[in-house]
Amino acid sequence: MTSTARFFDAIARRYDHDYALPREHSRPRLARLLELLGAPRRVLDLGVGTGRELPALLDAGHTVRGLDVSPAMIALCNKRERPIAVTLGDFWEPLPFEAASFDAVIALHGTLAHAPDDASLAPFAAEVARVLAGGGLFVAEVPRPSWIDAASGREERSVQRVDAHVARYEDRRVGVGIEARLFDEARWREVLAPGFELEVEPLGDHEMRLFGKKR
């Protein structure tokens, strides 16, 4: 089991209460996601977690497939009133889906912060493009490097800077940690440019939304 899987297994039952954004922040983000997706699509949700966004996606007519590295998070997602098919897997490895299987790929709530290394971004971007049909959409919410300092100083969690864009994040209640790699807009544009026409929107001071259409 990877360190990412161990971390999210350990916090799964507390995730919605302790980690998810408050509704006053998550609702406008979800509304913007639905606006970007538009008409009903086949959607792959990377890092689907407990599935907080699923009711809104399903209500909008989208067909959703999930992928997550944490068995504990998937178990909670499966308990939802309208469960979806969720595959256990690591999206930093080749995606276990056929080419052109989806019309949209989404990765919300900083899911992409836990790349195993800097070199993982380009293969990831290529895999997302591969599983998308022509004209498909990629939507992600990612933290900027400045998030490292903004997240420091919480009593139950610690964030220690490793270098300019890498931090060690630890949940003190359960004694588990995870590494976070936070890339700036220039780096995301570099890795996504071969496959996507990319737009970037700010999400507060320390996050951004990536919106790419497959070329």
Foldseek 3Di string as FASTA:
>chain_A
DDLVQVVCLLCQVVCVPPPDDPCVQVVVVLVVVCVLVDAAWAEEEEQCFLPPSVVVNVVRPHQYEYEHQYPNRLVNNCPDPDHHHYHHDDLLDQDPDAFQQIQEYEYEDANPFARPDPVSLQVSLVNRLRNHHAQGKYKYKHWALVVQVVPADDDQKHWADPDSFKIWIAGNVRGGIGITGHHDPVSNCVSNVVFWDWDWADSPDTMIMIMTTGD
